[in-house]
C-alpha cells in the first residue's frame, strides 16, 4: 500500500462556483479532489447565493491571495425593483414594497451616478464582518441590528446591460470590499421604489475570467491537473523580465538589484514579474525610484519552467 503523501502543488484553479454553496465548501471539495490538505485557500469570498469566478490557490500561490483580493473584480448583477428585503437579496424577508412602474432607463442611469468612483458604502447586516467578536450575520439572525461604519470603496464603472422592469441587469467593475447587495439596496433607495439583488455572477477576478472557469463537477469528471494554472498566471497583467544569474542570487537573498535602463516603468513602485535565465518564475519586483533599484516583494521557489516566461529580456 502506497502511504506517501501527495506532493504539494503550486498554482491556481479557476473554479466557476455554483449557487448554493459557500466559498469554503468549494475549497473543501477541491482539497478532496486534489489530495491537498495544507496551503489551500481562495482569492476572495463569494456569497452562497452568488456564482462565478473563485480562484482556488495552492502552495506558493497562496502568497498571492491578497493580490487577488485587492485586484479588479467584475460582476453581472440583476436588481429587482419595487421590493426591499432584510438581507438585500432574494433570500431575505420582504420589508417594504414600492411602485416601480414609472421608472425609465434614464432614471436608473441618473440614480447610478452617485455610486461611480470612490464612495462610502455601508456594509449590510447580513455580512461576515465582525462586531464585538461576532459576525454581523449572526447578530442579524438573532434579530439584532447594530450601527455599521461606512467604508471607503471604489466602483470603476456601472453599465446597464438590460432594462426589463422591474428587473435591471448591470455590469459592475470595482475594487476591493464592494457589497453588491448594498449597491442594489442603495440604487433602489435612490430610485424611491426600493430594490434587492436577485442574481449575482462574478465574471472577473484579476486575470481570471468566468468563461475560462471550471465547475466542481467538471473538475471531478475531467481531472484537476489539466485545469491547474501556474503561480504567475495571476500576475500576467504585469510586465515581465528575465534576470541574470548574479541578480537571481541577490533576489533570493531578498536584496535589491540593479537591472539596468532596459526596464521601463510608468509609476512609483512599478511591479514586474521576474524569471530566472532557465525560465522559472522567480519573484515579484517593485521599482524603488529614489534608489534606482528593484526590490523583491515576493520570492518564489519553483522547480518548473513557466509557459509565461518572456522570450526576450523584457516584455
Protein backbone atom coordinates (compact mmCIF):
# COMPACT_ATOMS: atom_id res chain seq x y z
CA UNK A 1 0.00 0.00 0.00
CA UNK A 2 1.36 3.41 -1.02
CA UNK A 3 1.27 5.72 2.01
CA UNK A 4 3.39 8.50 0.51
CA UNK A 5 1.99 11.94 0.97
CA UNK A 6 0.91 13.76 -2.20
CA UNK A 7 3.42 16.31 -3.44
CA UNK A 8 2.45 19.88 -2.67
CA UNK A 9 1.18 21.52 -5.84
CA UNK A 10 1.62 25.19 -6.65
CA UNK A 11 -0.80 27.23 -8.71
CA UNK A 12 -4.45 28.14 -9.21
CA UNK A 13 -7.65 26.50 -10.33
CA UNK A 14 -10.23 28.94 -11.66
CA UNK A 15 -13.42 27.48 -10.18
CA UNK A 16 -16.77 28.65 -11.52
CA UNK A 17 -18.73 28.49 -8.26
CA UNK A 18 -22.36 27.45 -8.47
CA UNK A 19 -25.19 28.99 -6.49
CA UNK A 20 -25.99 27.48 -3.10
CA UNK A 21 -22.54 26.60 -1.79
CA UNK A 22 -20.11 28.68 0.24
CA UNK A 23 -16.59 29.59 -0.83
CA UNK A 24 -15.20 27.29 1.86
CA UNK A 25 -17.42 24.45 0.57
CA UNK A 26 -15.59 24.86 -2.74
CA UNK A 27 -12.17 24.80 -1.05
CA UNK A 28 -13.03 21.67 0.95
CA UNK A 29 -14.20 19.79 -2.15
CA UNK A 30 -11.14 20.86 -4.16
CA UNK A 31 -8.93 19.66 -1.30
CA UNK A 32 -10.55 16.23 -1.50
CA UNK A 33 -10.18 16.07 -5.29
CA UNK A 34 -6.52 17.08 -5.30
CA UNK A 35 -5.43 15.36 -2.10
CA UNK A 36 -4.00 18.65 -0.84
CA UNK A 37 -4.58 19.17 2.88
CA UNK A 38 -2.48 22.25 3.57
CA UNK A 39 -1.78 25.61 1.96
CA UNK A 40 -5.05 25.76 0.03
CA UNK A 41 -7.22 28.88 0.02
CA UNK A 42 -9.33 31.10 -2.21
CA UNK A 43 -8.91 34.55 -3.67
CA UNK A 44 -11.98 36.38 -2.37
CA UNK A 45 -15.24 35.21 -0.77
CA UNK A 46 -18.44 34.86 -2.78
CA UNK A 47 -21.85 34.76 -1.06
CA UNK A 48 -23.59 31.36 -1.19
CA UNK A 49 -26.23 32.88 -3.50
CA UNK A 50 -23.59 34.18 -5.91
CA UNK A 51 -21.99 32.35 -8.82
CA UNK A 52 -18.84 32.79 -10.82
CA UNK A 53 -15.09 33.20 -10.52
CA UNK A 54 -13.49 31.82 -7.36
CA UNK A 55 -9.74 31.26 -7.82
CA UNK A 56 -8.52 28.46 -5.57
CA UNK A 57 -4.85 28.81 -4.59
CA UNK A 58 -2.36 26.03 -3.83
CA UNK A 59 1.04 26.03 -2.22
CA UNK A 60 3.13 29.07 -3.09
CA UNK A 61 0.19 30.60 -4.97
CA UNK A 62 -1.48 31.25 -1.59
CA UNK A 63 1.03 34.08 -1.16
CA UNK A 64 -0.85 35.90 -3.94
CA UNK A 65 -4.28 35.63 -2.30
CA UNK A 66 -4.10 39.23 -1.09
CA UNK A 67 -3.18 40.34 -4.61
CA UNK A 68 -6.39 38.74 -5.90
CA UNK A 69 -8.50 40.22 -3.11
CA UNK A 70 -7.08 43.67 -3.88
CA UNK A 71 -7.49 43.29 -7.65
CA UNK A 72 -10.22 44.47 -10.01
CA UNK A 73 -13.47 42.50 -9.88
CA UNK A 74 -16.21 42.28 -12.49
CA UNK A 75 -19.84 41.40 -11.71
CA UNK A 76 -23.06 40.76 -13.53
CA UNK A 77 -25.88 41.70 -11.20
CA UNK A 78 -29.64 41.77 -11.56
CA UNK A 79 -31.59 44.20 -9.41
CA UNK A 80 -35.33 43.68 -8.93
CA UNK A 81 -37.05 46.99 -8.29
CA UNK A 82 -40.12 47.63 -6.15
CA UNK A 83 -39.18 45.43 -3.18
CA UNK A 84 -36.69 45.61 -0.31
CA UNK A 85 -35.66 42.62 1.79
CA UNK A 86 -33.97 42.08 5.14
CA UNK A 87 -30.84 40.64 3.51
CA UNK A 88 -30.83 42.96 0.46
CA UNK A 89 -31.15 39.85 -1.75
CA UNK A 90 -33.72 37.21 -2.67
CA UNK A 91 -33.05 35.11 0.46
CA UNK A 92 -34.47 37.63 2.93
CA UNK A 93 -37.94 38.56 4.12
CA UNK A 94 -39.76 41.36 2.32
CA UNK A 95 -39.51 44.53 4.38
CA UNK A 96 -41.25 47.03 2.04
CA UNK A 97 -42.67 47.46 -1.46
CA UNK A 98 -42.81 50.42 -3.81
CA UNK A 99 -44.10 51.45 -7.21
CA UNK A 100 -41.57 50.87 -10.00
CA UNK A 101 -43.92 51.26 -12.97
CA UNK A 102 -42.97 54.85 -13.81
CA UNK A 103 -39.21 54.32 -13.72
CA UNK A 104 -37.32 54.68 -17.00
CA UNK A 105 -33.88 53.60 -18.15
CA UNK A 106 -32.75 57.23 -17.88
CA UNK A 107 -33.94 57.29 -14.27
CA UNK A 108 -31.76 54.28 -13.49
CA UNK A 109 -28.75 55.83 -15.23
CA UNK A 110 -29.12 59.01 -13.19
CA UNK A 111 -29.61 57.04 -9.96
CA UNK A 112 -26.36 55.12 -10.62
CA UNK A 113 -24.16 58.21 -10.93
CA UNK A 114 -23.51 58.76 -7.20
CA UNK A 115 -22.11 55.22 -6.92
CA UNK A 116 -19.34 55.58 -9.51
CA UNK A 117 -15.87 56.44 -8.26
CA UNK A 118 -14.63 56.42 -4.67
CA UNK A 119 -17.66 56.26 -2.36
CA UNK A 120 -18.56 55.49 1.23
CA UNK A 121 -20.64 52.31 1.42
CA UNK A 122 -22.39 50.89 4.48
CA UNK A 123 -22.00 47.08 4.70
CA UNK A 124 -25.20 45.01 5.06
CA UNK A 125 -26.10 43.41 8.36
CA UNK A 126 -26.00 40.03 6.63
CA UNK A 127 -22.25 40.01 6.10
CA UNK A 128 -19.22 38.27 7.62
CA UNK A 129 -17.85 41.44 9.20
CA UNK A 130 -17.43 41.29 12.97
CA UNK A 131 -18.90 43.43 15.74
CA UNK A 132 -17.52 42.82 19.22
CA UNK A 133 -16.28 39.39 18.20
CA UNK A 134 -19.49 38.22 16.48
CA UNK A 135 -20.28 38.03 12.78
CA UNK A 136 -22.87 40.55 11.68
CA UNK A 137 -24.99 37.85 10.07
CA UNK A 138 -25.13 36.01 13.41
CA UNK A 139 -26.45 39.15 15.09
CA UNK A 140 -28.90 39.73 12.24
CA UNK A 141 -30.30 36.19 12.56
CA UNK A 142 -30.80 36.85 16.27
CA UNK A 143 -32.81 39.97 15.42
CA UNK A 144 -30.08 42.39 16.49
CA UNK A 145 -29.10 45.30 14.27
CA UNK A 146 -26.01 47.39 15.04
CA UNK A 147 -24.59 50.58 13.60
CA UNK A 148 -22.14 49.89 10.77
CA UNK A 149 -19.44 52.33 9.85
CA UNK A 150 -19.44 53.25 6.14
CA UNK A 151 -16.31 52.06 4.37
CA UNK A 152 -14.34 53.66 1.55
CA UNK A 153 -14.64 51.58 -1.64
CA UNK A 154 -14.18 52.22 -5.33
CA UNK A 155 -16.54 51.39 -8.18
CA UNK A 156 -14.85 51.90 -11.53
CA UNK A 157 -17.93 51.63 -13.74
CA UNK A 158 -21.58 50.59 -13.85
CA UNK A 159 -23.27 49.77 -17.16
CA UNK A 160 -26.88 48.83 -17.86
CA UNK A 161 -26.94 45.58 -19.85
CA UNK A 162 -30.70 45.10 -19.91
CA UNK A 163 -33.68 47.16 -18.75
CA UNK A 164 -36.76 44.94 -18.35
CA UNK A 165 -38.69 46.42 -15.41
CA UNK A 166 -38.89 45.51 -12.65
CA UNK A 167 -35.53 43.84 -13.41
CA UNK A 168 -32.40 45.80 -14.31
CA UNK A 169 -29.23 43.92 -15.32
CA UNK A 170 -25.93 45.69 -14.65
CA UNK A 171 -22.26 45.13 -15.29
CA UNK A 172 -20.08 46.46 -12.46
CA UNK A 173 -16.31 46.83 -12.34
CA UNK A 174 -14.97 47.57 -8.87
CA UNK A 175 -12.18 47.26 -6.34
CA UNK A 176 -11.93 45.51 -3.02
CA UNK A 177 -14.73 45.32 -0.46
CA UNK A 178 -17.74 46.43 -2.51
CA UNK A 179 -21.00 44.77 -1.44
CA UNK A 180 -23.24 44.21 -4.45
CA UNK A 181 -26.23 43.68 -2.17
CA UNK A 182 -25.70 47.11 -0.63
CA UNK A 183 -25.35 48.59 -4.12
CA UNK A 184 -28.70 47.06 -5.13
CA UNK A 185 -30.35 48.33 -1.92
CA UNK A 186 -28.91 51.82 -2.34
CA UNK A 187 -29.87 52.00 -6.01
CA UNK A 188 -33.45 51.08 -5.17
CA UNK A 189 -33.48 53.71 -2.44
CA UNK A 190 -32.20 56.35 -4.86
CA UNK A 191 -34.99 55.47 -7.27
CA UNK A 192 -37.55 55.78 -4.48
CA UNK A 193 -39.12 52.35 -5.04
CA UNK A 194 -36.69 50.01 -3.30
CA UNK A 195 -34.78 47.12 -4.80
CA UNK A 196 -32.90 43.95 -3.98
CA UNK A 197 -30.20 41.81 -5.55
CA UNK A 198 -31.89 38.92 -7.34
CA UNK A 199 -28.89 37.49 -9.23
CA UNK A 200 -25.11 37.85 -8.96
CA UNK A 201 -22.27 36.40 -11.03
CA UNK A 202 -18.63 37.35 -10.55
CA UNK A 203 -17.33 37.49 -14.09
CA UNK A 204 -13.75 38.52 -13.34
CA UNK A 205 -11.21 38.48 -10.54
CA UNK A 206 -7.94 39.99 -11.71
CA UNK A 207 -6.73 37.89 -14.67
CA UNK A 208 -9.29 35.12 -14.01
CA UNK A 209 -12.43 35.15 -16.19
CA UNK A 210 -15.68 33.24 -15.72
CA UNK A 211 -15.71 31.91 -19.29
CA UNK A 212 -12.41 30.14 -18.57
CA UNK A 213 -13.58 28.67 -15.26
CA UNK A 214 -14.45 25.07 -14.43
CA UNK A 215 -17.30 23.85 -12.25
CA UNK A 216 -16.66 21.42 -9.42
CA UNK A 217 -18.48 18.66 -11.30
CA UNK A 218 -16.37 19.28 -14.42
CA UNK A 219 -13.26 19.29 -12.24
CA UNK A 220 -14.16 15.88 -10.87
CA UNK A 221 -15.05 14.40 -14.25
CA UNK A 222 -12.08 15.67 -16.26
CA UNK A 223 -9.33 15.65 -13.63
CA UNK A 224 -7.98 18.68 -11.85
CA UNK A 225 -4.44 18.54 -13.29
CA UNK A 226 -5.38 19.95 -16.69
CA UNK A 227 -7.03 22.96 -15.05
CA UNK A 228 -4.09 23.97 -12.84
CA UNK A 229 -2.64 27.38 -13.75
CA UNK A 230 0.95 28.32 -12.83
CA UNK A 231 1.61 30.68 -9.91
CA UNK A 232 2.49 33.59 -12.23
CA UNK A 233 -0.83 33.31 -14.09
CA UNK A 234 -2.38 35.67 -11.55
CA UNK A 235 0.19 38.34 -12.48
CA UNK A 236 0.01 38.25 -16.27
CA UNK A 237 -1.21 41.84 -16.42
CA UNK A 238 2.16 42.93 -15.01
CA UNK A 239 5.28 43.47 -17.11
CA UNK A 240 7.97 40.79 -17.08
CA UNK A 241 11.72 40.36 -17.32
CA UNK A 242 14.42 37.69 -17.21
CA UNK A 243 17.19 38.35 -14.70
CA UNK A 244 20.81 37.17 -14.95
CA UNK A 245 22.15 34.57 -12.53
CA UNK A 246 24.00 37.11 -10.39
CA UNK A 247 20.81 39.12 -9.88
CA UNK A 248 18.88 35.90 -9.19
CA UNK A 249 21.16 35.07 -6.27
CA UNK A 250 20.69 38.54 -4.77
CA UNK A 251 16.91 38.41 -5.22
CA UNK A 252 16.73 35.04 -3.46
CA UNK A 253 18.51 36.72 -0.54
CA UNK A 254 15.86 39.46 -0.52
CA UNK A 255 18.32 42.11 -1.69
CA UNK A 256 17.67 44.98 -4.08
CA UNK A 257 19.19 44.71 -7.54
CA UNK A 258 20.04 46.99 -10.43
CA UNK A 259 18.69 45.67 -13.73
CA UNK A 260 19.91 48.49 -15.94
CA UNK A 261 17.99 51.02 -18.01
CA UNK A 262 16.27 48.46 -20.25
CA UNK A 263 13.25 48.06 -17.94
CA UNK A 264 10.62 50.73 -18.40
CA UNK A 265 8.46 51.95 -15.56
CA UNK A 266 5.38 54.16 -15.59
CA UNK A 267 4.98 54.89 -11.91
CA UNK A 268 6.48 54.71 -8.46
CA UNK A 269 6.94 51.10 -7.30
CA UNK A 270 6.09 49.65 -10.71
CA UNK A 271 5.65 45.87 -10.48
CA UNK A 272 7.43 43.31 -12.67
CA UNK A 273 7.36 39.53 -12.91
CA UNK A 274 10.93 38.27 -12.76
CA UNK A 275 12.08 34.95 -14.25
CA UNK A 276 15.32 33.03 -13.99
CA UNK A 277 17.51 32.54 -17.05
CA UNK A 278 16.14 28.99 -17.38
CA UNK A 279 12.50 30.14 -17.38
CA UNK A 280 11.29 29.64 -13.80
CA UNK A 281 9.10 32.27 -12.15
CA UNK A 282 11.32 33.86 -9.52
CA UNK A 283 9.82 36.94 -7.90
CA UNK A 284 7.64 40.00 -7.92
CA UNK A 285 9.87 43.06 -8.17
CA UNK A 286 8.92 46.66 -7.45
CA UNK A 287 10.87 49.66 -8.63
CA UNK A 288 12.39 51.82 -5.92
CA UNK A 289 12.72 55.05 -7.88
CA UNK A 290 14.71 57.08 -5.29
CA UNK A 291 17.38 54.35 -5.23
CA UNK A 292 17.02 53.31 -8.90
CA UNK A 293 16.87 49.70 -7.71
CA UNK A 294 14.42 46.82 -7.98
CA UNK A 295 13.12 45.44 -4.67
CA UNK A 296 11.84 41.84 -4.36
CA UNK A 297 8.45 41.95 -2.63
CA UNK A 298 7.74 38.22 -3.08
CA UNK A 299 10.26 35.48 -3.92
CA UNK A 300 9.22 32.00 -5.06
CA UNK A 301 10.96 28.62 -5.05
CA UNK A 302 9.54 26.86 -8.09
CA UNK A 303 11.06 23.95 -9.99
CA UNK A 304 9.11 24.04 -13.25
CA UNK A 305 9.57 26.29 -16.27
CA UNK A 306 6.70 28.72 -16.74
CA UNK A 307 4.90 28.92 -20.11
CA UNK A 308 4.56 32.65 -19.45
CA UNK A 309 8.28 33.37 -19.27
CA UNK A 310 9.10 36.14 -21.78
CA UNK A 311 11.17 35.13 -24.78
CA UNK A 312 13.41 38.19 -24.58
CA UNK A 313 14.84 40.18 -21.69
CA UNK A 314 11.61 42.17 -21.25
CA UNK A 315 8.01 42.03 -22.35
